[in-house]
Protein backbone atom coordinates (compact mmCIF):
# COMPACT_ATOMS: atom_id res chain seq x y z
CA UNK A 1 0.00 0.00 0.00
CA UNK A 2 2.78 2.40 0.99
CA UNK A 3 4.64 1.53 -2.23
CA UNK A 4 1.55 2.37 -4.33
CA UNK A 5 1.19 5.76 -2.59
CA UNK A 6 4.89 6.46 -3.23
CA UNK A 7 4.50 5.64 -6.96
CA UNK A 8 1.43 7.91 -7.24
CA UNK A 9 3.25 10.70 -5.38
CA UNK A 10 6.31 10.40 -7.69
CA UNK A 11 4.08 10.42 -10.78
CA UNK A 12 2.23 13.55 -9.55
CA UNK A 13 5.54 15.22 -8.70
CA UNK A 14 6.90 14.45 -12.19
CA UNK A 15 3.75 15.82 -13.88
CA UNK A 16 3.92 19.02 -11.77
CA UNK A 17 7.62 19.41 -12.56
CA UNK A 18 6.93 19.12 -16.32
CA UNK A 19 4.03 21.61 -16.08
CA UNK A 20 6.21 24.01 -14.09
CA UNK A 21 9.10 23.64 -16.56
CA UNK A 22 6.77 24.47 -19.47
CA UNK A 23 5.15 27.34 -17.55
CA UNK A 24 8.47 29.15 -17.12
CA UNK A 25 9.35 28.74 -20.80
CA UNK A 26 11.33 25.54 -20.51
CA UNK A 27 10.06 24.09 -23.77
CA UNK A 28 11.10 27.26 -25.64
CA UNK A 29 14.50 27.07 -23.97
CA UNK A 30 14.98 23.45 -25.05
CA UNK A 31 13.84 24.30 -28.59
CA UNK A 32 16.18 27.31 -28.84
CA UNK A 33 19.10 25.27 -27.45
CA UNK A 34 18.41 22.53 -30.01
CA UNK A 35 18.25 25.10 -32.85
CA UNK A 36 21.51 26.70 -31.68
CA UNK A 37 23.27 23.33 -31.72
CA UNK A 38 21.89 22.42 -35.16
CA UNK A 39 22.87 25.84 -36.57
CA UNK A 40 26.37 25.55 -35.08
CA UNK A 41 26.88 22.10 -36.62
CA UNK A 42 25.61 23.30 -40.04
CA UNK A 43 27.79 26.44 -39.94
CA UNK A 44 30.81 24.34 -39.00
CA UNK A 45 30.07 21.88 -41.83
CA UNK A 46 29.70 24.77 -44.33
CA UNK A 47 32.99 26.28 -43.12
CA UNK A 48 34.83 22.97 -43.58
CA UNK A 49 33.12 22.39 -46.95
CA UNK A 50 34.82 25.55 -48.29
CA UNK A 51 38.05 23.55 -48.44
CA UNK A 52 36.48 21.42 -51.20
CA UNK A 53 34.35 23.98 -53.02
CA UNK A 54 31.86 26.82 -52.87
CA UNK A 55 28.50 25.45 -51.74
CA UNK A 56 26.93 28.84 -50.99
CA UNK A 57 24.80 28.74 -54.15
CA UNK A 58 23.08 25.41 -53.53
CA UNK A 59 19.29 25.45 -53.29
CA UNK A 60 17.71 25.56 -49.84
CA UNK A 61 16.27 22.04 -50.37
CA UNK A 62 19.82 20.75 -49.89
CA UNK A 63 21.67 20.66 -46.61
CA UNK A 64 25.37 20.14 -46.01
CA UNK A 65 25.25 17.38 -43.41
CA UNK A 66 28.86 16.83 -42.60
CA UNK A 67 32.46 17.10 -43.67
CA UNK A 68 34.80 14.26 -42.91
CA UNK A 69 38.10 12.62 -43.58
CA UNK A 70 37.85 9.23 -45.28
CA UNK A 71 41.21 7.44 -45.27
CA UNK A 72 42.97 10.80 -45.57
CA UNK A 73 40.66 12.18 -48.27
CA UNK A 74 38.45 15.19 -47.47
CA UNK A 75 34.74 14.71 -48.18
CA UNK A 76 31.54 16.75 -48.04
CA UNK A 77 28.20 15.00 -47.43
CA UNK A 78 24.91 16.64 -48.36
CA UNK A 79 21.28 15.57 -48.34
CA UNK A 80 18.15 16.55 -50.23
CA UNK A 81 15.69 17.25 -47.41
CA UNK A 82 12.53 15.94 -49.08
CA UNK A 83 13.78 12.78 -50.81
CA UNK A 84 16.65 11.85 -48.50
CA UNK A 85 18.95 11.52 -51.52
CA UNK A 86 22.62 11.76 -50.50
CA UNK A 87 25.37 13.56 -52.36
CA UNK A 88 29.08 13.29 -51.61
CA UNK A 89 32.14 15.00 -53.04
CA UNK A 90 35.50 13.43 -52.21
CA UNK A 91 38.69 15.41 -52.82
CA UNK A 92 41.31 12.84 -53.75
CA UNK A 93 43.98 15.51 -54.20
CA UNK A 94 46.70 14.89 -56.76
CA UNK A 95 46.44 11.10 -56.24
CA UNK A 96 43.31 10.47 -58.31
CA UNK A 97 41.05 7.69 -57.07
CA UNK A 98 38.89 7.88 -60.19
CA UNK A 99 39.42 9.92 -63.36
CA UNK A 100 37.20 11.01 -66.24
CA UNK A 101 38.98 8.42 -68.38
CA UNK A 102 37.89 5.75 -65.87
CA UNK A 103 34.29 6.98 -66.06
CA UNK A 104 34.31 6.81 -69.87
CA UNK A 105 36.27 3.53 -70.05
CA UNK A 106 35.04 -0.04 -70.24
CA UNK A 107 36.59 -1.18 -66.93
CA UNK A 108 34.60 1.15 -64.69
CA UNK A 109 32.77 -1.61 -62.80
CA UNK A 110 36.11 -3.21 -61.91
CA UNK A 111 37.57 0.15 -60.87
CA UNK A 112 34.53 0.93 -58.67
CA UNK A 113 34.73 -2.47 -57.01
CA UNK A 114 38.41 -1.84 -56.24
CA UNK A 115 37.45 1.50 -54.66
CA UNK A 116 34.70 -0.18 -52.64
CA UNK A 117 37.28 -2.63 -51.25
CA UNK A 118 39.43 0.33 -50.24
CA UNK A 119 36.55 2.04 -48.39
CA UNK A 120 34.67 -1.07 -47.19
CA UNK A 121 34.96 -0.24 -43.48
CA UNK A 122 33.39 3.21 -43.90
CA UNK A 123 29.78 4.24 -43.16
CA UNK A 124 28.41 3.08 -46.53
CA UNK A 125 29.51 -0.03 -48.36
CA UNK A 126 28.46 -1.01 -51.88
CA UNK A 127 28.37 -4.48 -53.43
CA UNK A 128 27.40 -5.92 -56.82
CA UNK A 129 27.93 -2.63 -58.69
CA UNK A 130 26.42 -2.60 -62.18
CA UNK A 131 26.75 0.32 -64.63
CA UNK A 132 23.41 1.01 -66.31
CA UNK A 133 24.08 4.14 -68.41
CA UNK A 134 26.42 7.07 -68.98
CA UNK A 135 25.93 10.77 -69.61
CA UNK A 136 27.24 14.26 -68.81
CA UNK A 137 26.94 16.36 -65.67
CA UNK A 138 27.69 20.02 -64.89
CA UNK A 139 29.83 20.54 -61.77
CA UNK A 140 32.53 23.01 -60.74
CA UNK A 141 31.69 25.03 -63.85
CA UNK A 142 32.52 22.15 -66.19
CA UNK A 143 30.63 19.50 -68.13
CA UNK A 144 32.04 16.11 -67.17
CA UNK A 145 31.07 12.46 -67.80
CA UNK A 146 29.13 10.44 -65.23
CA UNK A 147 28.08 6.82 -64.96
CA UNK A 148 24.75 5.72 -63.51
CA UNK A 149 24.93 2.56 -61.41
CA UNK A 150 22.88 0.15 -59.37
CA UNK A 151 24.29 -1.61 -56.32
CA UNK A 152 23.50 -3.38 -53.08
CA UNK A 153 24.28 -1.99 -49.64
CA UNK A 154 24.55 -3.83 -46.36
CA UNK A 155 24.84 -0.73 -44.15
CA UNK A 156 21.69 1.21 -45.04
CA UNK A 157 18.02 0.62 -44.13
CA UNK A 158 17.41 -0.30 -47.78
CA UNK A 159 19.58 -2.64 -49.79
CA UNK A 160 18.88 -1.73 -53.44
CA UNK A 161 20.63 1.50 -54.45
CA UNK A 162 20.79 3.60 -57.56
CA UNK A 163 23.03 6.57 -58.20
CA UNK A 164 25.71 8.24 -60.24
CA UNK A 165 29.46 8.68 -59.97
CA UNK A 166 31.52 11.32 -61.71
CA UNK A 167 35.01 12.79 -61.61
CA UNK A 168 36.18 16.36 -62.22
CA UNK A 169 39.65 17.91 -62.23
CA UNK A 170 39.58 21.36 -60.65
CA UNK A 171 41.95 24.27 -61.32
CA UNK A 172 44.12 23.39 -58.30
CA UNK A 173 44.99 20.10 -60.06
CA UNK A 174 43.02 17.89 -57.68
CA UNK A 175 40.61 15.21 -58.82
CA UNK A 176 37.23 15.26 -57.11
CA UNK A 177 34.73 12.39 -57.13
CA UNK A 178 31.05 13.30 -57.10
CA UNK A 179 28.55 10.67 -55.97
CA UNK A 180 24.79 10.84 -55.60
CA UNK A 181 22.81 7.88 -54.28
CA UNK A 182 19.38 6.94 -53.02
CA UNK A 183 17.09 3.96 -52.66
CA UNK A 184 16.70 2.48 -56.15
CA UNK A 185 13.01 3.35 -56.58
CA UNK A 186 13.52 6.90 -55.15
CA UNK A 187 16.69 7.98 -56.98
CA UNK A 188 16.27 11.17 -59.01
CA UNK A 189 18.75 12.29 -61.68
CA UNK A 190 17.12 15.73 -61.58
CA UNK A 191 18.01 16.12 -57.88
CA UNK A 192 21.63 15.12 -58.58
CA UNK A 193 21.94 17.62 -61.42
CA UNK A 194 20.26 20.37 -59.38
CA UNK A 195 22.76 19.97 -56.55
CA UNK A 196 25.97 19.52 -58.53
CA UNK A 197 25.33 22.39 -60.98
CA UNK A 198 25.54 24.88 -58.10
CA UNK A 199 28.83 23.57 -56.70
CA UNK A 200 31.61 25.94 -57.75
CA UNK A 201 35.33 26.33 -57.23
CA UNK A 202 36.47 28.70 -54.47
């Protein structure tokens, strides 16, 4: 009986504490603190992204999620808010991981599989890569070749992927790899082109 009264008292105390917290503006405080943290992270990501390119002109539907170092290569990750489509630009420096010749060549699937083996312990891993078509893409103020692919992933909530991969040499002599990927049935070439066309050199 005493235990039941104690539980009821604790529950009432908790409810009153929540009501009191909200009454003095606690919910607004939590919301403003959350917004401040999110804004700080986004500003920091944008600042770091400037090392790879100028992303200031991208449409507001896109968000720079993160910048990271992948095996010594700088990378920028972005997301299309509505579709969840992911875009990534990897700066491979003067040691090109993938060139425009590779994109246009006949051994691209083999080359991509070799790259996947190199990055297999990273956040996203691809398997069974199959090139489905090729075309041209505008990025860093240049028209460059891209290859559309389908693949499997074992590290995402969905396993069937579709996307594109491209390579562009910028004026500083570095080779940058551009990747856009989404769930196979949700991938949009239009979204990829919309994002990459607004990425410029610094």
